[in-house]
Structures are given as structure tokens and as C-alpha cells.
N, C-alpha and C. Protein backbone atom coordinates (compact mmCIF):
# COMPACT_ATOMS: atom_id res chain seq x y z
N UNK A 1 -29.63 -3.77 -49.37
CA UNK A 1 -30.90 -3.57 -48.46
C UNK A 1 -30.28 -3.05 -47.30
N UNK A 2 -30.74 -1.78 -46.78
CA UNK A 2 -30.13 -1.41 -45.29
C UNK A 2 -31.08 -1.99 -44.41
N UNK A 3 -30.17 -2.11 -43.21
CA UNK A 3 -30.65 -2.60 -41.78
C UNK A 3 -31.14 -1.56 -41.22
N UNK A 4 -32.17 -1.86 -40.37
CA UNK A 4 -32.50 -0.50 -39.47
C UNK A 4 -31.61 -0.32 -38.59
N UNK A 5 -31.84 0.86 -37.90
CA UNK A 5 -30.60 1.65 -37.21
C UNK A 5 -30.44 0.79 -35.92
N UNK A 6 -31.51 0.40 -35.29
CA UNK A 6 -31.63 -0.14 -33.96
C UNK A 6 -30.88 -1.43 -33.97
N UNK A 7 -31.19 -2.14 -34.81
CA UNK A 7 -30.46 -3.68 -35.24
C UNK A 7 -29.22 -3.44 -35.55
N UNK A 8 -28.81 -2.20 -36.23
CA UNK A 8 -27.34 -2.26 -36.67
C UNK A 8 -26.63 -2.15 -35.34
N UNK A 9 -26.99 -1.07 -34.25
CA UNK A 9 -26.47 -0.70 -33.24
C UNK A 9 -26.51 -2.23 -32.23
N UNK A 10 -27.53 -3.10 -32.20
CA UNK A 10 -27.68 -4.09 -31.32
C UNK A 10 -26.37 -5.00 -32.07
N UNK A 11 -26.41 -5.18 -33.15
CA UNK A 11 -25.07 -6.19 -33.90
C UNK A 11 -23.75 -5.60 -33.62
N UNK A 12 -23.53 -4.24 -33.58
CA UNK A 12 -22.34 -3.68 -33.28
C UNK A 12 -21.84 -3.69 -31.66
N UNK A 13 -22.90 -3.50 -31.13
CA UNK A 13 -22.46 -3.45 -29.79
C UNK A 13 -22.67 -4.65 -28.77
N UNK A 14 -23.34 -5.83 -29.40
CA UNK A 14 -23.52 -6.83 -28.72
C UNK A 14 -24.15 -6.91 -27.35
N UNK A 15 -23.81 -7.80 -26.74
CA UNK A 15 -24.42 -7.69 -25.14
C UNK A 15 -23.55 -7.25 -24.01
N UNK A 16 -22.53 -6.72 -24.73
CA UNK A 16 -21.67 -6.10 -23.67
C UNK A 16 -20.71 -7.49 -23.02
N UNK A 17 -19.71 -6.86 -22.00
CA UNK A 17 -18.99 -7.86 -21.53
C UNK A 17 -19.62 -8.91 -20.70
N UNK A 18 -19.28 -10.06 -20.76
CA UNK A 18 -19.55 -11.08 -19.86
C UNK A 18 -19.39 -11.04 -18.48
N UNK A 19 -20.53 -11.48 -17.82
CA UNK A 19 -20.39 -11.21 -16.43
C UNK A 19 -19.81 -12.59 -15.78
N UNK A 20 -18.82 -12.50 -14.90
CA UNK A 20 -18.24 -13.83 -14.27
C UNK A 20 -19.15 -14.40 -13.24
N UNK A 21 -18.98 -15.70 -13.12
CA UNK A 21 -20.03 -16.18 -12.03
C UNK A 21 -19.06 -17.33 -11.04
N UNK A 22 -19.53 -17.50 -9.85
CA UNK A 22 -19.07 -18.34 -9.03
C UNK A 22 -20.54 -19.45 -9.10
N UNK A 23 -19.95 -20.59 -9.19
CA UNK A 23 -21.05 -21.74 -9.35
C UNK A 23 -20.74 -23.11 -8.35
N UNK A 24 -21.90 -23.73 -7.93
CA UNK A 24 -21.77 -24.79 -7.20
C UNK A 24 -22.67 -25.87 -8.10
N UNK A 25 -22.50 -27.13 -7.79
CA UNK A 25 -23.34 -28.02 -8.57
C UNK A 25 -23.53 -29.41 -7.36
N UNK A 26 -24.83 -29.56 -7.42
CA UNK A 26 -24.98 -30.77 -6.44
C UNK A 26 -25.02 -32.01 -7.35
N UNK A 27 -23.84 -32.76 -6.93
CA UNK A 27 -23.38 -33.84 -7.73
C UNK A 27 -23.63 -35.38 -7.03
N UNK A 28 -24.67 -35.18 -5.89
CA UNK A 28 -24.87 -36.08 -5.07
C UNK A 28 -26.39 -36.58 -5.80
N UNK A 29 -26.91 -37.66 -5.02
CA UNK A 29 -28.34 -37.83 -5.26
C UNK A 29 -29.47 -37.44 -4.53
N UNK A 30 -29.09 -36.59 -3.61
CA UNK A 30 -30.11 -35.83 -2.78
C UNK A 30 -30.05 -34.50 -2.80
N UNK A 31 -31.20 -34.06 -2.56
CA UNK A 31 -31.28 -32.35 -2.47
C UNK A 31 -30.82 -31.95 -1.42
N UNK A 32 -30.30 -30.64 -1.32
CA UNK A 32 -29.54 -30.21 -0.40
C UNK A 32 -29.55 -28.46 -0.30
N UNK A 33 -29.16 -27.96 0.53
CA UNK A 33 -29.73 -26.37 0.47
C UNK A 33 -27.85 -25.81 0.17
N UNK A 34 -27.95 -25.05 -0.85
CA UNK A 34 -26.60 -24.54 -1.34
C UNK A 34 -26.48 -23.13 -1.41
N UNK A 35 -25.54 -22.32 -1.10
CA UNK A 35 -25.15 -21.00 -1.33
C UNK A 35 -24.03 -20.82 -2.35
N UNK A 36 -24.02 -19.84 -3.21
CA UNK A 36 -22.90 -19.51 -3.97
C UNK A 36 -22.66 -17.89 -3.46
N UNK A 37 -21.29 -17.47 -3.28
CA UNK A 37 -21.23 -16.17 -2.97
C UNK A 37 -19.77 -15.52 -3.49
N UNK A 38 -20.16 -14.47 -4.12
CA UNK A 38 -18.63 -13.68 -4.72
C UNK A 38 -18.13 -12.65 -3.77
N UNK A 39 -17.07 -12.89 -3.38
CA UNK A 39 -16.54 -11.81 -2.70
C UNK A 39 -16.77 -10.37 -2.74
N UNK A 40 -17.65 -9.73 -2.00
CA UNK A 40 -17.59 -8.30 -2.15
C UNK A 40 -19.14 -8.13 -3.09
N UNK A 41 -19.76 -9.14 -3.27
CA UNK A 41 -20.85 -9.26 -4.25
C UNK A 41 -21.87 -9.76 -4.04
N UNK A 42 -22.53 -10.65 -4.80
CA UNK A 42 -23.89 -11.33 -4.41
C UNK A 42 -23.83 -12.61 -3.64
N UNK A 43 -24.78 -13.03 -2.95
CA UNK A 43 -24.93 -14.09 -2.25
C UNK A 43 -26.36 -14.77 -2.75
N UNK A 44 -26.15 -16.11 -3.38
CA UNK A 44 -27.50 -16.63 -3.67
C UNK A 44 -27.84 -17.98 -3.08
N UNK A 45 -28.91 -18.25 -2.70
CA UNK A 45 -29.06 -19.56 -2.01
C UNK A 45 -30.34 -20.32 -2.68
N UNK A 46 -30.18 -21.55 -2.41
CA UNK A 46 -31.47 -22.30 -3.22
C UNK A 46 -31.28 -23.90 -2.79
N UNK A 47 -32.43 -24.58 -2.48
CA UNK A 47 -32.27 -25.96 -2.30
C UNK A 47 -32.23 -26.51 -4.04
N UNK A 48 -31.11 -27.34 -3.96
CA UNK A 48 -30.79 -27.94 -5.33
C UNK A 48 -31.22 -29.26 -5.50
N UNK A 49 -31.89 -29.64 -6.34
CA UNK A 49 -31.95 -31.33 -6.41
C UNK A 49 -30.66 -31.95 -7.13
N UNK A 50 -30.81 -33.25 -7.11
CA UNK A 50 -29.52 -33.70 -7.66
C UNK A 50 -29.24 -33.48 -9.29
N UNK A 51 -28.32 -33.21 -9.16
CA UNK A 51 -27.56 -32.50 -10.54
C UNK A 51 -27.77 -30.79 -10.87
N UNK A 52 -28.53 -30.41 -9.70
CA UNK A 52 -28.76 -28.85 -10.01
C UNK A 52 -27.54 -27.99 -9.94
N UNK A 53 -27.60 -26.94 -10.59
CA UNK A 53 -26.58 -25.95 -10.24
C UNK A 53 -27.05 -24.57 -9.99
N UNK A 54 -26.08 -23.86 -9.05
CA UNK A 54 -26.59 -22.57 -8.63
C UNK A 54 -25.11 -21.46 -8.89
N UNK A 55 -25.50 -20.59 -9.49
CA UNK A 55 -24.47 -19.53 -9.71
C UNK A 55 -24.66 -18.31 -9.22
N UNK A 56 -23.66 -17.58 -8.62
CA UNK A 56 -23.54 -16.27 -8.06
C UNK A 56 -23.01 -15.05 -9.15
N UNK A 57 -23.63 -14.05 -9.54
CA UNK A 57 -22.92 -13.40 -10.80
C UNK A 57 -22.02 -12.37 -9.89
N UNK A 58 -20.88 -12.04 -10.69
CA UNK A 58 -19.93 -11.04 -9.95
C UNK A 58 -18.81 -11.24 -10.66
N UNK A 59 -17.59 -10.42 -10.30
CA UNK A 59 -16.35 -10.41 -10.67
C UNK A 59 -15.49 -10.67 -9.12
N UNK A 60 -14.53 -11.93 -9.15
CA UNK A 60 -13.97 -12.20 -8.30
C UNK A 60 -14.16 -13.67 -7.66
N UNK A 61 -13.11 -13.94 -6.93
CA UNK A 61 -13.23 -15.07 -6.36
C UNK A 61 -14.64 -15.36 -5.39
N UNK A 62 -14.79 -16.67 -4.84
CA UNK A 62 -16.14 -16.59 -3.96
C UNK A 62 -15.83 -17.96 -3.08
N UNK A 63 -17.31 -18.25 -2.40
CA UNK A 63 -17.42 -19.23 -1.72
C UNK A 63 -18.44 -20.02 -2.13
N UNK A 64 -18.49 -21.40 -2.20
CA UNK A 64 -19.77 -22.17 -2.20
C UNK A 64 -19.70 -22.97 -1.06
N UNK A 65 -21.19 -23.20 -0.49
CA UNK A 65 -21.52 -23.89 0.65
C UNK A 65 -22.69 -24.78 0.35
N UNK A 66 -22.66 -25.91 1.22
CA UNK A 66 -23.76 -26.69 1.33
C UNK A 66 -24.13 -27.02 2.88
N UNK A 67 -25.68 -27.02 3.12
CA UNK A 67 -26.01 -27.37 4.16
C UNK A 67 -27.35 -28.34 4.06
N UNK A 68 -27.30 -29.46 5.03
CA UNK A 68 -28.39 -30.19 5.13
C UNK A 68 -29.82 -29.59 4.77
N UNK A 69 -30.17 -28.35 5.01
CA UNK A 69 -31.62 -27.75 5.02
C UNK A 69 -31.15 -26.16 5.26
N UNK A 70 -32.26 -25.35 4.99
CA UNK A 70 -31.77 -23.78 5.08
C UNK A 70 -31.68 -23.41 6.47
N UNK A 71 -32.22 -24.17 7.19
CA UNK A 71 -32.13 -23.58 8.78
C UNK A 71 -30.99 -24.08 9.48
N UNK A 72 -30.21 -24.82 8.61
CA UNK A 72 -29.03 -25.40 9.40
C UNK A 72 -27.72 -24.21 9.40
N UNK A 73 -27.08 -24.19 10.47
CA UNK A 73 -25.91 -23.28 10.29
C UNK A 73 -24.60 -24.06 10.17
N UNK A 74 -24.30 -25.13 10.42
CA UNK A 74 -23.05 -26.02 10.11
C UNK A 74 -23.30 -26.63 8.53
N UNK A 75 -22.19 -26.33 7.92
CA UNK A 75 -22.34 -27.36 6.83
C UNK A 75 -20.84 -27.09 6.01
N UNK A 76 -20.85 -27.26 5.08
CA UNK A 76 -19.66 -27.52 4.10
C UNK A 76 -19.17 -26.36 3.25
N UNK A 77 -17.95 -25.54 3.04
CA UNK A 77 -17.67 -24.62 2.26
C UNK A 77 -16.49 -24.98 1.66
N UNK A 78 -16.37 -24.59 0.41
CA UNK A 78 -14.95 -24.52 -0.26
C UNK A 78 -14.75 -23.09 -1.14
N UNK A 79 -13.49 -22.50 -1.02
CA UNK A 79 -13.18 -21.44 -1.77
C UNK A 79 -13.21 -21.54 -3.56
N UNK A 80 -13.80 -20.73 -4.20
CA UNK A 80 -13.61 -20.89 -5.67
C UNK A 80 -12.87 -19.88 -6.17
N UNK A 81 -12.22 -20.19 -7.36
CA UNK A 81 -11.45 -19.15 -8.24
C UNK A 81 -12.49 -18.03 -8.76
N UNK A 82 -12.09 -17.24 -9.36
CA UNK A 82 -12.93 -16.19 -10.15
C UNK A 82 -13.39 -17.04 -11.39
N UNK A 83 -14.55 -17.01 -11.53
CA UNK A 83 -15.34 -17.65 -12.52
C UNK A 83 -15.31 -19.12 -12.61
N UNK A 84 -14.97 -19.60 -11.45
CA UNK A 84 -14.89 -20.90 -11.05
C UNK A 84 -16.03 -21.53 -10.59
N UNK A 85 -16.17 -23.08 -10.31
CA UNK A 85 -17.04 -23.79 -9.91
C UNK A 85 -16.62 -24.92 -9.04
N UNK A 86 -17.46 -25.43 -8.46
CA UNK A 86 -17.07 -26.87 -7.95
C UNK A 86 -18.45 -27.76 -7.54
N UNK A 87 -18.19 -29.12 -7.44
CA UNK A 87 -19.44 -29.77 -7.19
C UNK A 87 -19.28 -30.47 -5.88
N UNK A 88 -20.43 -30.77 -5.43
CA UNK A 88 -20.41 -31.32 -4.19
C UNK A 88 -20.67 -33.04 -4.51
N UNK A 89 -19.77 -33.86 -4.05
CA UNK A 89 -19.68 -35.28 -4.33
C UNK A 89 -20.40 -36.13 -3.35
N UNK A 90 -20.21 -35.77 -1.79
CA UNK A 90 -20.82 -36.25 -1.09
C UNK A 90 -20.73 -35.44 0.36
N UNK A 91 -22.11 -35.41 0.81
CA UNK A 91 -22.20 -34.48 2.03
C UNK A 91 -21.72 -35.23 3.28
N UNK A 92 -21.05 -34.83 4.10
CA UNK A 92 -20.95 -35.07 5.61
C UNK A 92 -20.69 -33.94 6.59
N UNK A 93 -21.43 -34.20 7.60
CA UNK A 93 -21.59 -32.96 8.67
C UNK A 93 -19.99 -32.54 9.08
N UNK A 94 -20.21 -31.29 9.74
CA UNK A 94 -19.05 -30.67 10.18
C UNK A 94 -17.86 -30.66 9.45
N UNK A 95 -18.35 -29.95 8.01
CA UNK A 95 -17.06 -29.72 6.88
C UNK A 95 -16.10 -30.60 6.32
N UNK A 96 -16.87 -31.69 6.40
CA UNK A 96 -16.19 -33.06 6.07
C UNK A 96 -16.67 -33.65 4.68
N UNK A 97 -17.10 -32.54 3.89
CA UNK A 97 -17.72 -33.07 2.54
C UNK A 97 -16.75 -33.44 1.55
N UNK A 98 -17.17 -34.27 0.64
CA UNK A 98 -16.28 -34.41 -0.51
C UNK A 98 -16.63 -33.44 -1.74
N UNK A 99 -15.95 -32.89 -2.15
CA UNK A 99 -15.87 -32.09 -3.47
C UNK A 99 -15.02 -32.28 -4.46
N UNK A 100 -15.56 -32.01 -5.72
CA UNK A 100 -14.99 -32.49 -6.81
C UNK A 100 -13.48 -31.94 -7.07
N UNK A 101 -13.09 -30.73 -6.40
CA UNK A 101 -11.95 -29.98 -6.24
C UNK A 101 -10.79 -30.92 -5.51
N UNK A 102 -11.30 -31.75 -4.65
CA UNK A 102 -10.45 -32.33 -3.70
C UNK A 102 -9.45 -33.36 -4.75
N UNK A 103 -9.92 -33.82 -5.88
CA UNK A 103 -9.16 -34.81 -6.83
C UNK A 103 -8.36 -33.95 -7.90
N UNK A 104 -8.58 -32.84 -8.08
CA UNK A 104 -7.59 -31.98 -8.91
C UNK A 104 -6.29 -31.71 -8.63
């Protein structure tokens, strides 16, 4: 049986190269406002519930940040490797947050 041409091309080409991401996870028990940014690329923001994850698409290193709420200007930030992620363990004001990467 011969497969239709369109289906054959879809199987041969696949979805293309995977896009890298920089991600942040809220590992606390409270919601907070997060940002994920790829250097020279996308910046995405969202209030994440406990256990939520936010990713910015793009190739390269980036920064993940957390703030008490969207209107806040002071928060905590961490550098993240290309296609990397970090998790917030505990929020503390003035860039004294505890991140999962602190214990690695």
C-alpha cells in the first residue's frame, strides 16, 4: 500500500530541530510572579501557582526571576544555562531567595 505524499513528507521531515528553552518552576507553596528570559530572545512572564512551570523559547543562556507580584520591581534572579532550568525553593525579598541550583 502506498502512503499519500503529504504523509510521507511529514514522516521524513519530522517537526524540525527542537527549540531550546529556559525554564523556571515554582517549588514553593504560594503563587508568585515569575519571568523567564533567553538572552537576546523571548521574555515571558506569568503568575505561577505552586508547582507551576514557565519557559521562554530560544537558543542561548538566560535569566529566571521571581517577584512577589507583577507590580514589584525588586525580586530574585538567577542565571540559567542554555536549555536549563531552576526551581524557586523559598522566596525572600532583596535577592535572598533559595533556588534549587544553590545545592548543586
